[in-house]
Amino acid sequence: MNKLLAGLCLVAAGIAPMAAMAQSKDPARARLEAEITAADARLFGGLNARDIGPMKEGFSPRLEFYHDRSGLTGYADNIAIFEKNFRAPNRIRREAMPETVEIFPAGPDHAMHIGKHRFCNKPSETAPEECAVYRFAMVWERDGGQWKLLRVLSYDH
């Protein structure tokens, strides 16, 4: 009986802090996380659908995109790269990995978005799809009521 009671106490001790954290989550923080997650889904929905429109709207005109292999590119460079990729026969898609994501406020009109995502490439109709997981750190900026991607660090390729 003492072992059972001790076990229940350990379980309760582990659950109580998690429940308290879930209940004490700031509503503004939860709203920010939902907004950034939605903005991310719109932006990368464009990538997955090969639709440049959501990407043009989702990138800030002041975008700075730092890639660990190709270096720094801006808004116009990224739009041109994606337009070229969308005309190519290969199919690239991005899968969010929400279990890896952290979102933090950075003042009233910015948010930091850090995590991992999976990119898959299908080089042709007959080729098998190849996927890999990469890391990112992004800064979003609220511009006219809409979240736009301002800075990107894309790494661990």
Protein backbone atom coordinates (compact mmCIF):
# COMPACT_ATOMS: atom_id res chain seq x y z
CA MET A 1 0.00 0.00 0.00
CA ASN A 2 2.83 2.39 0.85
CA LYS A 3 4.42 1.78 -2.58
CA LEU A 4 1.11 2.50 -4.30
CA LEU A 5 0.64 5.70 -2.31
CA ALA A 6 4.22 6.77 -3.01
CA GLY A 7 3.71 6.11 -6.74
CA LEU A 8 0.49 8.12 -6.81
CA CYS A 9 2.23 11.01 -5.05
CA LEU A 10 5.03 10.99 -7.64
CA VAL A 11 2.52 10.98 -10.50
CA ALA A 12 0.55 13.81 -8.91
CA ALA A 13 3.74 15.79 -8.32
CA GLY A 14 4.63 15.44 -12.01
CA ILE A 15 1.18 16.32 -13.33
CA ALA A 16 0.41 19.27 -11.06
CA PRO A 17 3.11 21.62 -12.45
CA MET A 18 2.13 20.78 -16.05
CA ALA A 19 -1.54 21.44 -15.32
CA ALA A 20 -0.68 24.70 -13.59
CA MET A 21 1.41 25.83 -16.58
CA ALA A 22 -1.39 24.98 -18.99
CA GLN A 23 -3.95 26.86 -16.91
CA SER A 24 -1.73 29.89 -16.30
CA LYS A 25 -0.83 30.41 -19.97
CA ASP A 26 -1.26 34.06 -20.83
CA PRO A 27 -4.20 34.53 -23.23
CA ALA A 28 -2.18 37.10 -25.22
CA ARG A 29 0.62 34.56 -25.64
CA ALA A 30 -1.82 31.87 -26.75
CA ARG A 31 -3.33 34.31 -29.27
CA LEU A 32 0.14 35.19 -30.58
CA GLU A 33 0.99 31.51 -31.02
CA ALA A 34 -2.26 30.92 -32.92
CA GLU A 35 -1.67 33.96 -35.16
CA ILE A 36 1.92 33.00 -36.00
CA THR A 37 0.96 29.37 -36.61
CA ALA A 38 -1.78 30.55 -39.00
CA ALA A 39 0.58 32.95 -40.82
CA ASP A 40 3.14 30.15 -41.17
CA ALA A 41 0.47 27.80 -42.56
CA ARG A 42 -0.67 30.42 -45.13
CA LEU A 43 2.89 31.14 -46.26
CA PHE A 44 3.93 27.52 -46.63
CA GLY A 45 0.52 26.57 -48.01
CA GLY A 46 1.57 28.72 -50.96
CA LEU A 47 4.79 26.73 -51.26
CA ASN A 48 2.98 23.40 -51.12
CA ALA A 49 0.36 24.53 -53.67
CA ARG A 50 2.99 26.15 -55.90
CA ASP A 51 1.11 29.43 -55.53
CA ILE A 52 3.35 32.48 -55.32
CA GLY A 53 0.54 34.75 -54.08
CA PRO A 54 0.61 33.75 -50.40
CA MET A 55 4.40 33.94 -50.46
CA LYS A 56 4.41 37.47 -51.90
CA GLU A 57 1.90 38.49 -49.22
CA GLY A 58 3.60 36.58 -46.41
CA PHE A 59 7.15 37.85 -46.92
CA SER A 60 7.99 41.35 -45.75
CA PRO A 61 9.44 43.54 -48.53
CA ARG A 62 12.38 43.94 -46.10
CA LEU A 63 12.91 40.16 -45.85
CA GLU A 64 16.40 38.95 -44.96
CA PHE A 65 16.74 35.21 -45.47
CA TYR A 66 19.97 33.65 -44.20
CA HIS A 67 20.61 30.10 -45.43
CA ASP A 68 23.53 28.09 -44.11
CA ARG A 69 24.47 26.92 -47.62
CA SER A 70 23.52 29.74 -49.97
CA GLY A 71 23.90 32.83 -47.80
CA LEU A 72 21.76 35.94 -47.65
CA THR A 73 18.84 36.68 -49.98
CA GLY A 74 16.10 39.29 -49.89
CA TYR A 75 12.46 39.56 -50.90
CA ALA A 76 12.96 39.82 -54.68
CA ASP A 77 15.55 37.02 -54.67
CA ASN A 78 13.24 34.66 -52.79
CA ILE A 79 10.22 35.40 -54.96
CA ALA A 80 12.34 34.73 -58.08
CA ILE A 81 13.72 31.49 -56.58
CA PHE A 82 10.24 30.21 -55.72
CA GLU A 83 8.78 31.20 -59.10
CA LYS A 84 11.60 29.29 -60.81
CA ASN A 85 11.10 26.29 -58.52
CA PHE A 86 7.36 26.27 -59.21
CA ARG A 87 8.05 25.96 -62.97
CA ALA A 88 10.45 23.02 -62.44
CA PRO A 89 9.22 19.41 -62.73
CA ASN A 90 10.17 18.52 -59.16
CA ARG A 91 7.65 18.95 -56.34
CA ILE A 92 8.77 20.44 -53.03
CA ARG A 93 6.56 20.45 -49.98
CA ARG A 94 7.01 21.54 -46.40
CA GLU A 95 5.57 19.83 -43.36
CA ALA A 96 5.34 21.73 -40.11
CA MET A 97 6.57 19.91 -37.01
CA PRO A 98 4.48 21.62 -34.31
CA GLU A 99 5.95 19.54 -31.51
CA THR A 100 9.31 21.28 -32.10
CA VAL A 101 8.03 24.85 -32.37
CA GLU A 102 8.43 27.65 -29.86
CA ILE A 103 6.92 31.11 -30.36
CA PHE A 104 7.89 34.11 -28.26
CA PRO A 105 6.74 37.72 -28.29
CA ALA A 106 9.41 40.26 -29.23
CA GLY A 107 7.68 43.52 -28.45
CA PRO A 108 4.17 44.46 -29.56
CA ASP A 109 4.65 43.92 -33.31
CA HIS A 110 7.24 41.15 -33.60
CA ALA A 111 7.44 37.46 -32.75
CA MET A 112 10.22 34.88 -32.72
CA HIS A 113 9.38 31.48 -34.19
CA ILE A 114 11.89 28.68 -33.67
CA GLY A 115 11.73 24.99 -34.50
CA LYS A 116 12.18 22.29 -37.08
CA HIS A 117 10.34 21.48 -40.28
CA ARG A 118 10.47 18.69 -42.84
CA PHE A 119 11.00 19.44 -46.51
CA CYS A 120 10.26 16.77 -49.08
CA ASN A 121 11.33 16.77 -52.71
CA LYS A 122 9.93 14.55 -55.43
CA PRO A 123 12.33 15.06 -58.35
CA SER A 124 9.96 13.55 -60.93
CA GLU A 125 6.71 11.60 -61.30
CA THR A 126 8.56 8.27 -61.05
CA ALA A 127 11.24 9.18 -58.52
CA PRO A 128 10.71 8.46 -54.84
CA GLU A 129 10.15 11.41 -52.54
CA GLU A 130 13.14 12.40 -50.41
CA CYS A 131 12.59 14.16 -47.08
CA ALA A 132 14.87 15.79 -44.54
CA VAL A 133 14.40 17.79 -41.34
CA TYR A 134 15.93 21.24 -41.01
CA ARG A 135 16.02 23.92 -38.32
CA PHE A 136 14.74 27.47 -38.52
CA ALA A 137 14.56 30.65 -36.50
CA MET A 138 12.23 33.30 -37.88
CA VAL A 139 11.13 36.77 -36.89
CA TRP A 140 7.62 37.82 -37.89
CA GLU A 141 6.48 41.44 -38.02
CA ARG A 142 2.90 42.69 -37.77
CA ASP A 143 2.39 45.03 -40.72
CA GLY A 144 -1.03 46.59 -41.19
CA GLY A 145 -2.64 43.88 -39.06
CA GLN A 146 -0.99 41.03 -41.01
CA TRP A 147 2.00 38.98 -39.87
CA LYS A 148 4.84 38.98 -42.41
CA LEU A 149 8.09 37.08 -42.36
CA LEU A 150 10.88 39.60 -41.74
CA ARG A 151 13.99 37.53 -40.89
CA VAL A 152 14.81 33.87 -41.44
CA LEU A 153 17.71 31.70 -40.31
CA SER A 154 17.51 28.37 -42.15
CA TYR A 155 20.18 25.93 -41.04
CA ASP A 156 21.35 22.39 -40.34
CA HIS A 157 21.04 21.36 -44.00
